[in-house]
Amino acid sequence: MIYKIFRKDEWDDLRSTGTSAGAAVDVADGFIHFSTIAQAPETAAKHFAGETDLMLLGVDPAPLGADLKWEPSRGGALFPHLYRELTLADVAWTQPLPLVNGVHQFPAGAE
């Protein structure tokens, strides 16, 4: 699985329209940023510090095919980037990503 953190309004938009180009940073970069489960907590801390009302989306990378590319980012680590819109059908599951004492709490067994 790969993971996308959406703000509530971004998740609501995906649910209502069935597609999403991602957050403003995704649109600006020309691809949708994803993380592995090992990368997701750092992504949350760096890009969503202190934010509430977040949703964690789990996506199976296999059906994304050639539209998903693993590219170097922070410190040379490979991050999954989706070069097309995300569809609601791509999302295997979603769960709230609560903020407790300033730290986002990832669900156990999210892998």
C-alpha atoms as a PDB file:
ATOM      1  CA  MET A   1       0.000   0.000   0.000  1.00  0.00           C
ATOM      2  CA  ILE A   2       0.933   3.620  -0.532  1.00  0.00           C
ATOM      3  CA  TYR A   3      -0.597   6.483   1.407  1.00  0.00           C
ATOM      4  CA  LYS A   4      -1.985   9.932   0.735  1.00  0.00           C
ATOM      5  CA  ILE A   5      -2.886  12.442   3.406  1.00  0.00           C
ATOM      6  CA  PHE A   6      -5.847  14.627   2.454  1.00  0.00           C
ATOM      7  CA  ARG A   7      -7.387  17.530   4.271  1.00  0.00           C
ATOM      8  CA  LYS A   8     -11.105  17.023   4.893  1.00  0.00           C
ATOM      9  CA  ASP A   9     -12.135  19.349   2.047  1.00  0.00           C
ATOM     10  CA  GLU A  10      -9.838  17.501  -0.390  1.00  0.00           C
ATOM     11  CA  TRP A  11     -11.323  14.163   0.685  1.00  0.00           C
ATOM     12  CA  ASP A  12     -14.853  15.570   0.392  1.00  0.00           C
ATOM     13  CA  ASP A  13     -14.070  16.809  -3.137  1.00  0.00           C
ATOM     14  CA  LEU A  14     -12.751  13.380  -4.181  1.00  0.00           C
ATOM     15  CA  ARG A  15     -15.842  11.707  -2.765  1.00  0.00           C
ATOM     16  CA  SER A  16     -18.220  14.091  -4.517  1.00  0.00           C
ATOM     17  CA  THR A  17     -16.516  14.275  -7.939  1.00  0.00           C
ATOM     18  CA  GLY A  18     -14.834  10.860  -8.078  1.00  0.00           C
ATOM     19  CA  THR A  19     -11.455  12.329  -9.112  1.00  0.00           C
ATOM     20  CA  SER A  20      -8.776  14.564  -7.659  1.00  0.00           C
ATOM     21  CA  ALA A  21      -5.648  16.252  -8.953  1.00  0.00           C
ATOM     22  CA  GLY A  22      -4.517  16.319  -5.323  1.00  0.00           C
ATOM     23  CA  ALA A  23      -3.659  19.209  -3.058  1.00  0.00           C
ATOM     24  CA  ALA A  24      -2.311  22.542  -4.299  1.00  0.00           C
ATOM     25  CA  VAL A  25       1.277  21.241  -3.999  1.00  0.00           C
ATOM     26  CA  ASP A  26       0.402  18.230  -6.159  1.00  0.00           C
ATOM     27  CA  VAL A  27      -1.136  20.418  -8.851  1.00  0.00           C
ATOM     28  CA  ALA A  28       1.897  22.732  -8.769  1.00  0.00           C
ATOM     29  CA  ASP A  29       4.334  19.806  -9.039  1.00  0.00           C
ATOM     30  CA  GLY A  30       2.385  18.030 -11.790  1.00  0.00           C
ATOM     31  CA  PHE A  31       1.903  14.767  -9.882  1.00  0.00           C
ATOM     32  CA  ILE A  32       0.226  13.471  -6.730  1.00  0.00           C
ATOM     33  CA  HIS A  33       2.617  12.887  -3.846  1.00  0.00           C
ATOM     34  CA  PHE A  34       2.261   9.611  -1.941  1.00  0.00           C
ATOM     35  CA  SER A  35       4.300   8.055   0.869  1.00  0.00           C
ATOM     36  CA  THR A  36       5.115   4.582   2.082  1.00  0.00           C
ATOM     37  CA  ILE A  37       3.953   3.726   5.590  1.00  0.00           C
ATOM     38  CA  ALA A  38       7.511   4.329   6.817  1.00  0.00           C
ATOM     39  CA  GLN A  39       7.576   7.789   5.184  1.00  0.00           C
ATOM     40  CA  ALA A  40       4.034   8.873   6.093  1.00  0.00           C
ATOM     41  CA  PRO A  41       4.682  10.049   9.687  1.00  0.00           C
ATOM     42  CA  GLU A  42       7.502  12.344   8.524  1.00  0.00           C
ATOM     43  CA  THR A  43       5.305  13.613   5.701  1.00  0.00           C
ATOM     44  CA  ALA A  44       2.556  14.398   8.215  1.00  0.00           C
ATOM     45  CA  ALA A  45       4.962  16.163  10.570  1.00  0.00           C
ATOM     46  CA  LYS A  46       6.608  18.185   7.799  1.00  0.00           C
ATOM     47  CA  HIS A  47       3.615  19.168   5.680  1.00  0.00           C
ATOM     48  CA  PHE A  48       0.627  18.894   8.050  1.00  0.00           C
ATOM     49  CA  ALA A  49       2.056  19.934  11.434  1.00  0.00           C
ATOM     50  CA  GLY A  50      -0.699  20.841  13.863  1.00  0.00           C
ATOM     51  CA  GLU A  51      -3.486  20.214  11.339  1.00  0.00           C
ATOM     52  CA  THR A  52      -6.639  18.431  12.341  1.00  0.00           C
ATOM     53  CA  ASP A  53      -9.419  16.925  10.194  1.00  0.00           C
ATOM     54  CA  LEU A  54      -6.993  14.907   8.072  1.00  0.00           C
ATOM     55  CA  MET A  55      -7.773  11.662   6.292  1.00  0.00           C
ATOM     56  CA  LEU A  56      -5.301   8.900   5.493  1.00  0.00           C
ATOM     57  CA  LEU A  57      -5.998   7.155   2.195  1.00  0.00           C
ATOM     58  CA  GLY A  58      -4.594   3.695   1.499  1.00  0.00           C
ATOM     59  CA  VAL A  59      -4.025   2.929  -2.191  1.00  0.00           C
ATOM     60  CA  ASP A  60      -2.883  -0.344  -3.770  1.00  0.00           C
ATOM     61  CA  PRO A  61      -0.033   0.657  -6.111  1.00  0.00           C
ATOM     62  CA  ALA A  62      -0.354  -2.321  -8.493  1.00  0.00           C
ATOM     63  CA  PRO A  63      -3.411  -1.122 -10.468  1.00  0.00           C
ATOM     64  CA  LEU A  64      -1.822   2.320 -10.965  1.00  0.00           C
ATOM     65  CA  GLY A  65       0.602   0.781 -13.454  1.00  0.00           C
ATOM     66  CA  ALA A  66       3.002   3.023 -15.358  1.00  0.00           C
ATOM     67  CA  ASP A  67       1.279   6.171 -14.029  1.00  0.00           C
ATOM     68  CA  LEU A  68       3.025   5.538 -10.677  1.00  0.00           C
ATOM     69  CA  LYS A  69       6.722   6.371 -10.598  1.00  0.00           C
ATOM     70  CA  TRP A  70       9.118   5.946  -7.678  1.00  0.00           C
ATOM     71  CA  GLU A  71      11.356   9.019  -7.623  1.00  0.00           C
ATOM     72  CA  PRO A  72      14.021  10.356  -5.257  1.00  0.00           C
ATOM     73  CA  SER A  73      12.982  13.043  -2.833  1.00  0.00           C
ATOM     74  CA  ARG A  74      13.967  13.783   0.778  1.00  0.00           C
ATOM     75  CA  GLY A  75      17.494  12.541   1.341  1.00  0.00           C
ATOM     76  CA  GLY A  76      17.371  10.476  -1.854  1.00  0.00           C
ATOM     77  CA  ALA A  77      14.577   8.217  -0.578  1.00  0.00           C
ATOM     78  CA  LEU A  78      12.239   6.951  -3.291  1.00  0.00           C
ATOM     79  CA  PHE A  79       8.703   8.314  -3.014  1.00  0.00           C
ATOM     80  CA  PRO A  80       5.691   7.182  -5.054  1.00  0.00           C
ATOM     81  CA  HIS A  81       4.342   9.864  -7.414  1.00  0.00           C
ATOM     82  CA  LEU A  82       1.144   9.434  -9.427  1.00  0.00           C
ATOM     83  CA  TYR A  83       1.132  11.098 -12.844  1.00  0.00           C
ATOM     84  CA  ARG A  84      -2.627  11.192 -13.352  1.00  0.00           C
ATOM     85  CA  GLU A  85      -5.664  12.106 -11.320  1.00  0.00           C
ATOM     86  CA  LEU A  86      -6.515   9.970  -8.334  1.00  0.00           C
ATOM     87  CA  THR A  87      -9.919   8.328  -8.632  1.00  0.00           C
ATOM     88  CA  LEU A  88     -12.184   7.260  -5.836  1.00  0.00           C
ATOM     89  CA  ALA A  89     -11.923   3.724  -7.232  1.00  0.00           C
ATOM     90  CA  ASP A  90      -8.138   3.848  -6.572  1.00  0.00           C
ATOM     91  CA  VAL A  91      -8.711   4.260  -2.824  1.00  0.00           C
ATOM     92  CA  ALA A  92      -8.715   0.915  -1.008  1.00  0.00           C
ATOM     93  CA  TRP A  93      -9.606   2.438   2.361  1.00  0.00           C
ATOM     94  CA  THR A  94      -9.576   5.671   4.304  1.00  0.00           C
ATOM     95  CA  GLN A  95      -9.357   6.485   7.985  1.00  0.00           C
ATOM     96  CA  PRO A  96      -9.181   9.657  10.046  1.00  0.00           C
ATOM     97  CA  LEU A  97      -5.656  10.747  10.980  1.00  0.00           C
ATOM     98  CA  PRO A  98      -6.143  12.203  14.460  1.00  0.00           C
ATOM     99  CA  LEU A  99      -3.750  14.630  16.087  1.00  0.00           C
ATOM    100  CA  VAL A 100      -2.894  13.669  19.678  1.00  0.00           C
ATOM    101  CA  ASN A 101      -0.487  15.831  21.681  1.00  0.00           C
ATOM    102  CA  GLY A 102       0.793  17.356  18.443  1.00  0.00           C
ATOM    103  CA  VAL A 103       1.501  14.008  16.738  1.00  0.00           C
ATOM    104  CA  HIS A 104      -0.638  12.412  14.034  1.00  0.00           C
ATOM    105  CA  GLN A 105      -1.730   8.915  15.038  1.00  0.00           C
ATOM    106  CA  PHE A 106      -1.438   6.404  12.203  1.00  0.00           C
ATOM    107  CA  PRO A 107      -3.719   3.354  12.398  1.00  0.00           C
ATOM    108  CA  ALA A 108      -2.156   0.126  13.575  1.00  0.00           C
ATOM    109  CA  GLY A 109      -1.626  -2.322  10.758  1.00  0.00           C
ATOM    110  CA  ALA A 110      -1.949   0.362   8.071  1.00  0.00           C
ATOM    111  CA  GLU A 111       0.376  -1.615   5.876  1.00  0.00           C
END
